[in-house]
Amino acid sequence: MKIAHLALWTRDIEKMKDFYERYFEAESNEKYVNEKKGFESYFLTFDGEASLELMRRRDVVHESDGDALGYAHMAFGLKTRKDVDRMTETLKTDGWTHKDGPRLTGDGYYEAVFLDPEGNTIELVAEEA
């Protein structure tokens, strides 16, 4: 069994789609719109089998104010530590919120942590030690 996809509610679905396409090489389907329900979504696919659904609905407006039970972060695997360093510099230079790293974690991961345009936590993780 595998995870088919993850989903995020968004305020600005176009900005979120552009962010993941630009920095994480996501490929998007055509936007799905259900006018009756006020719902729209994109499925973004990444290298490999994972996909992310970005969703917006007019009545979903509650925002999280930081860490809470449930969703914690998404981790994107980059091949090497140098790739993590390069992506870190690119995201920092482009003004995205940098939370931590790059650093070697206590459990042996080399990672950097950022927030996406809507404050969701993203980890950049080197796949090789």
Protein backbone atom coordinates (compact mmCIF):
# COMPACT_ATOMS: atom_id res chain seq x y z
CA MET A 1 0.00 0.00 0.00
CA LYS A 2 1.17 3.56 -0.67
CA ILE A 3 -0.03 7.06 0.03
CA ALA A 4 -1.92 8.24 -3.07
CA HIS A 5 -1.64 11.96 -2.33
CA LEU A 6 -1.59 14.63 0.35
CA ALA A 7 -3.90 17.66 0.29
CA LEU A 8 -3.71 21.24 1.56
CA TRP A 9 -6.45 23.84 1.86
CA THR A 10 -5.18 27.13 0.45
CA ARG A 11 -6.13 30.80 0.42
CA ASP A 12 -4.32 31.60 -2.84
CA ILE A 13 -4.36 28.45 -4.93
CA GLU A 14 -2.56 30.03 -7.91
CA LYS A 15 0.33 31.35 -5.79
CA MET A 16 0.74 27.97 -4.12
CA LYS A 17 0.68 26.14 -7.48
CA ASP A 18 3.29 28.51 -8.91
CA PHE A 19 5.54 28.06 -5.85
CA TYR A 20 5.59 24.26 -6.07
CA GLU A 21 6.02 24.31 -9.85
CA ARG A 22 8.89 26.78 -9.70
CA TYR A 23 10.93 25.42 -6.80
CA PHE A 24 9.98 21.74 -6.65
CA GLU A 25 9.46 20.92 -10.35
CA ALA A 26 5.82 19.98 -9.80
CA GLU A 27 3.63 19.36 -12.81
CA SER A 28 0.01 20.43 -12.49
CA ASN A 29 -3.14 19.11 -14.05
CA GLU A 30 -5.84 21.47 -15.34
CA LYS A 31 -7.72 23.18 -12.54
CA TYR A 32 -10.86 21.37 -11.43
CA VAL A 33 -13.72 23.72 -10.55
CA ASN A 34 -17.07 22.89 -8.97
CA GLU A 35 -19.00 26.17 -8.99
CA LYS A 36 -21.95 24.73 -7.06
CA LYS A 37 -19.72 23.85 -4.08
CA GLY A 38 -17.36 26.81 -4.50
CA PHE A 39 -14.48 24.32 -4.77
CA GLU A 40 -11.37 24.28 -6.95
CA SER A 41 -8.25 22.14 -6.94
CA TYR A 42 -5.01 21.23 -8.67
CA PHE A 43 -3.14 17.95 -8.44
CA LEU A 44 0.62 18.51 -8.51
CA THR A 45 2.86 15.57 -9.32
CA PHE A 46 6.52 15.36 -8.40
CA ASP A 47 9.36 13.14 -9.51
CA GLY A 48 8.41 9.72 -8.25
CA GLU A 49 4.97 8.67 -7.11
CA ALA A 50 3.95 11.41 -4.68
CA SER A 51 1.35 14.04 -5.48
CA LEU A 52 -0.09 17.03 -3.66
CA GLU A 53 -3.62 18.32 -4.05
CA LEU A 54 -4.06 22.05 -3.54
CA MET A 55 -7.65 22.89 -2.70
CA ARG A 56 -9.67 26.04 -2.16
CA ARG A 57 -13.27 26.37 -1.08
CA ARG A 58 -15.00 29.64 -0.20
CA ASP A 59 -16.15 28.43 3.23
CA VAL A 60 -12.77 27.06 4.39
CA VAL A 61 -11.15 30.05 6.06
CA HIS A 62 -9.79 28.84 9.44
CA GLU A 63 -6.03 29.32 9.74
CA SER A 64 -3.61 27.45 11.97
CA ASP A 65 -1.43 29.54 14.23
CA GLY A 66 1.59 27.27 14.29
CA ASP A 67 2.25 23.77 15.55
CA ALA A 68 -0.84 21.71 16.21
CA LEU A 69 -1.83 18.07 16.18
CA GLY A 70 -2.07 16.68 12.66
CA TYR A 71 -0.09 17.90 9.69
CA ALA A 72 3.51 18.81 10.61
CA HIS A 73 5.53 19.12 7.39
CA MET A 74 6.33 17.81 3.92
CA ALA A 75 9.86 16.65 3.17
CA PHE A 76 11.39 16.90 -0.29
CA GLY A 77 14.33 14.62 -0.96
CA LEU A 78 17.26 16.14 -2.79
CA LYS A 79 20.16 13.97 -3.93
CA THR A 80 23.06 15.54 -2.03
CA ARG A 81 23.88 17.94 0.78
CA LYS A 82 25.13 20.40 -1.85
CA ASP A 83 21.68 20.26 -3.47
CA VAL A 84 20.12 21.10 -0.10
CA ASP A 85 22.60 23.99 0.28
CA ARG A 86 21.81 25.32 -3.21
CA MET A 87 18.05 25.11 -2.75
CA THR A 88 18.40 26.79 0.65
CA GLU A 89 20.26 29.72 -0.90
CA THR A 90 17.74 30.01 -3.73
CA LEU A 91 14.74 30.08 -1.40
CA LYS A 92 16.47 32.52 1.00
CA THR A 93 17.51 34.81 -1.86
CA ASP A 94 13.96 34.79 -3.21
CA GLY A 95 12.64 35.87 0.19
CA TRP A 96 10.92 32.74 1.50
CA THR A 97 10.79 32.22 5.27
CA HIS A 98 13.81 30.20 6.43
CA LYS A 99 13.24 28.40 9.73
CA ASP A 100 16.37 26.27 10.21
CA GLY A 101 19.47 24.71 8.66
CA PRO A 102 20.95 23.37 6.67
CA ARG A 103 22.16 21.21 9.49
CA LEU A 104 22.76 17.62 10.44
CA THR A 105 19.92 16.54 12.73
CA GLY A 106 20.31 14.32 15.77
CA ASP A 107 18.78 11.42 13.85
CA GLY A 108 21.27 11.77 10.99
CA TYR A 109 19.38 13.79 8.39
CA TYR A 110 20.90 16.77 6.59
CA GLU A 111 18.04 19.21 6.25
CA ALA A 112 16.87 22.78 5.90
CA VAL A 113 13.41 24.00 6.85
CA PHE A 114 11.27 26.65 5.12
CA LEU A 115 7.68 27.83 5.01
CA ASP A 116 5.70 27.82 1.78
CA PRO A 117 3.65 30.91 0.78
CA GLU A 118 0.87 30.00 3.22
CA GLY A 119 3.06 29.00 6.16
CA ASN A 120 3.16 25.22 5.67
CA THR A 121 6.47 23.70 6.79
CA ILE A 122 8.72 22.18 4.12
CA GLU A 123 11.88 20.22 4.81
CA LEU A 124 14.64 19.88 2.25
CA VAL A 125 16.42 16.59 3.00
CA ALA A 126 19.57 15.12 1.44
CA GLU A 127 18.90 11.54 0.32
CA GLU A 128 22.55 10.55 0.67
CA ALA A 129 24.37 10.90 3.96
